[in-house]
C-alpha atoms as a PDB file:
ATOM      1  CA  MET A   1      78.906  76.261 106.306  1.00  0.00           C
ATOM      2  CA  GLU A   2      78.854  78.413 103.340  1.00  0.00           C
ATOM      3  CA  PRO A   3      82.298  78.885 101.348  1.00  0.00           C
ATOM      4  CA  GLU A   4      84.844  81.670 101.595  1.00  0.00           C
ATOM      5  CA  ARG A   5      84.095  84.098  98.700  1.00  0.00           C
ATOM      6  CA  CYS A   6      86.776  86.617  97.680  1.00  0.00           C
ATOM      7  CA  GLY A   7      86.438  90.031  99.389  1.00  0.00           C
ATOM      8  CA  ASP A   8      85.230  88.330 102.876  1.00  0.00           C
ATOM      9  CA  PRO A   9      86.502  90.431 105.602  1.00  0.00           C
ATOM     10  CA  ALA A  10      87.671  87.587 107.497  1.00  0.00           C
ATOM     11  CA  ALA A  11      89.457  86.201 104.413  1.00  0.00           C
ATOM     12  CA  ARG A  12      91.316  89.613 103.831  1.00  0.00           C
ATOM     13  CA  GLU A  13      92.142  89.907 107.543  1.00  0.00           C
ATOM     14  CA  ALA A  14      93.630  86.350 107.542  1.00  0.00           C
ATOM     15  CA  GLY A  15      95.161  87.343 104.322  1.00  0.00           C
ATOM     16  CA  VAL A  16      93.610  84.260 102.537  1.00  0.00           C
ATOM     17  CA  THR A  17      92.606  85.369  99.187  1.00  0.00           C
ATOM     18  CA  ALA A  18      95.492  87.390  97.479  1.00  0.00           C
ATOM     19  CA  ILE A  19      97.293  87.069  94.277  1.00  0.00           C
ATOM     20  CA  GLU A  20     100.032  84.845  94.783  1.00  0.00           C
ATOM     21  CA  ARG A  21     101.635  84.864  91.263  1.00  0.00           C
ATOM     22  CA  VAL A  22     101.246  85.846  87.627  1.00  0.00           C
ATOM     23  CA  ALA A  23     102.097  84.432  84.488  1.00  0.00           C
ATOM     24  CA  ILE A  24     102.372  86.520  81.547  1.00  0.00           C
ATOM     25  CA  VAL A  25     102.864  85.772  78.140  1.00  0.00           C
ATOM     26  CA  PRO A  26     103.512  88.624  75.487  1.00  0.00           C
ATOM     27  CA  ASP A  27     102.310  87.897  71.696  1.00  0.00           C
ATOM     28  CA  ALA A  28     104.188  90.751  69.638  1.00  0.00           C
ATOM     29  CA  ASP A  29     102.623  89.737  66.774  1.00  0.00           C
ATOM     30  CA  ALA A  30      98.996  89.798  67.672  1.00  0.00           C
ATOM     31  CA  GLY A  31      99.873  93.116  70.042  1.00  0.00           C
ATOM     32  CA  THR A  32      98.347  91.131  73.005  1.00  0.00           C
ATOM     33  CA  VAL A  33      99.202  90.049  76.477  1.00  0.00           C
ATOM     34  CA  ALA A  34      97.772  86.882  78.303  1.00  0.00           C
ATOM     35  CA  LEU A  35      97.823  87.009  81.880  1.00  0.00           C
ATOM     36  CA  ALA A  36      96.850  83.979  84.331  1.00  0.00           C
ATOM     37  CA  ALA A  37      96.787  84.645  88.068  1.00  0.00           C
ATOM     38  CA  SER A  38      97.392  81.970  91.121  1.00  0.00           C
ATOM     39  CA  LEU A  39      95.506  83.264  94.408  1.00  0.00           C
ATOM     40  CA  THR A  40      95.784  82.038  97.463  1.00  0.00           C
ATOM     41  CA  GLY A  41      92.492  81.213  99.179  1.00  0.00           C
ATOM     42  CA  ALA A  42      89.047  81.181  97.607  1.00  0.00           C
ATOM     43  CA  ALA A  43      88.634  82.373  93.986  1.00  0.00           C
ATOM     44  CA  LYS A  44      84.717  82.013  94.068  1.00  0.00           C
ATOM     45  CA  GLY A  45      83.374  85.384  92.628  1.00  0.00           C
ATOM     46  CA  CYS A  46      86.528  87.171  92.226  1.00  0.00           C
ATOM     47  CA  THR A  47      87.494  88.710  89.221  1.00  0.00           C
ATOM     48  CA  LEU A  48      91.309  90.416  87.806  1.00  0.00           C
ATOM     49  CA  ARG A  49      91.360  93.867  86.259  1.00  0.00           C
ATOM     50  CA  PRO A  50      94.573  94.217  84.796  1.00  0.00           C
ATOM     51  CA  VAL A  51      95.651  97.724  83.441  1.00  0.00           C
ATOM     52  CA  ALA A  52      98.703  98.443  81.308  1.00  0.00           C
ATOM     53  CA  SER A  53     100.266 101.784  81.465  1.00  0.00           C
ATOM     54  CA  ALA A  54     102.743 103.781  79.083  1.00  0.00           C
ATOM     55  CA  ASP A  55     104.107 106.891  80.354  1.00  0.00           C
ATOM     56  CA  GLY A  56     101.860 107.132  82.901  1.00  0.00           C
ATOM     57  CA  LYS A  57      98.573 106.711  80.994  1.00  0.00           C
ATOM     58  CA  ALA A  58      96.394 103.244  80.550  1.00  0.00           C
ATOM     59  CA  VAL A  59      96.755 101.920  77.200  1.00  0.00           C
ATOM     60  CA  ALA A  60      95.051  98.735  77.670  1.00  0.00           C
ATOM     61  CA  THR A  61      92.416  97.117  80.173  1.00  0.00           C
ATOM     62  CA  ALA A  62      90.406  94.100  80.297  1.00  0.00           C
ATOM     63  CA  GLU A  63      88.374  92.172  83.355  1.00  0.00           C
ATOM     64  CA  GLY A  64      87.946  88.471  83.696  1.00  0.00           C
ATOM     65  CA  ALA A  65      87.358  85.557  86.168  1.00  0.00           C
ATOM     66  CA  ALA A  66      90.403  85.311  88.546  1.00  0.00           C
ATOM     67  CA  GLY A  67      90.501  81.609  87.577  1.00  0.00           C
ATOM     68  CA  GLY A  68      91.065  81.883  84.110  1.00  0.00           C
ATOM     69  CA  PRO A  69      93.336  83.412  81.437  1.00  0.00           C
ATOM     70  CA  ILE A  70      92.552  87.176  80.566  1.00  0.00           C
ATOM     71  CA  ARG A  71      93.972  88.718  77.323  1.00  0.00           C
ATOM     72  CA  LEU A  72      95.003  92.642  76.996  1.00  0.00           C
ATOM     73  CA  ARG A  73      95.056  94.071  73.616  1.00  0.00           C
ATOM     74  CA  ILE A  74      97.627  96.757  73.510  1.00  0.00           C
ATOM     75  CA  PRO A  75      97.222  99.067  70.441  1.00  0.00           C
ATOM     76  CA  ASN A  76     100.258  99.809  68.385  1.00  0.00           C
ATOM     77  CA  PRO A  77     102.647  98.082  70.933  1.00  0.00           C
ATOM     78  CA  ARG A  78     106.115  99.538  71.709  1.00  0.00           C
ATOM     79  CA  LEU A  79     108.565  96.847  71.699  1.00  0.00           C
ATOM     80  CA  TRP A  80     111.742  96.517  73.803  1.00  0.00           C
ATOM     81  CA  SER A  81     114.912  96.704  72.257  1.00  0.00           C
ATOM     82  CA  PRO A  82     118.363  97.436  73.548  1.00  0.00           C
ATOM     83  CA  ALA A  83     118.101 100.355  71.407  1.00  0.00           C
ATOM     84  CA  HIS A  84     114.735 101.882  73.067  1.00  0.00           C
ATOM     85  CA  PRO A  85     114.401  99.447  76.027  1.00  0.00           C
ATOM     86  CA  PHE A  86     110.875 100.594  76.751  1.00  0.00           C
ATOM     87  CA  LEU A  87     108.482  98.329  79.344  1.00  0.00           C
ATOM     88  CA  TYR A  88     104.849  98.591  80.101  1.00  0.00           C
ATOM     89  CA  ASP A  89     103.781  98.930  83.683  1.00  0.00           C
ATOM     90  CA  LEU A  90     101.232  96.539  84.711  1.00  0.00           C
ATOM     91  CA  THR A  91      98.581  96.889  87.310  1.00  0.00           C
ATOM     92  CA  ILE A  92      96.490  94.175  88.438  1.00  0.00           C
ATOM     93  CA  ALA A  93      93.573  94.730  90.932  1.00  0.00           C
ATOM     94  CA  LEU A  94      91.603  91.678  92.664  1.00  0.00           C
ATOM     95  CA  HIS A  95      88.026  92.395  93.134  1.00  0.00           C
ATOM     96  CA  ASN A  96      85.140  90.778  94.642  1.00  0.00           C
ATOM     97  CA  GLY A  97      81.574  90.926  92.913  1.00  0.00           C
ATOM     98  CA  ALA A  98      80.206  93.335  94.745  1.00  0.00           C
ATOM     99  CA  THR A  99      83.022  95.841  93.610  1.00  0.00           C
END
């Protein structure tokens, strides 16, 4: 029997392959954000595509294997402070090798 792959219809219907949690580690000095996602189910063939947005516009995007860390480089990062409480929106999509 072949192992389940990311995006198999049966796996999706059963809820087997999904993003379970994401660790996000910013590095303000470098202007980067490191992401590591944990998946439920099989990760073989899966990729993650994170997109950071500001004011409704994408400012950084990346793609990497679902099992490894992914680094987003954000140009001219806007840092949060009590005087300027800005936060980026982050969307992370899980894809199989065919999409």
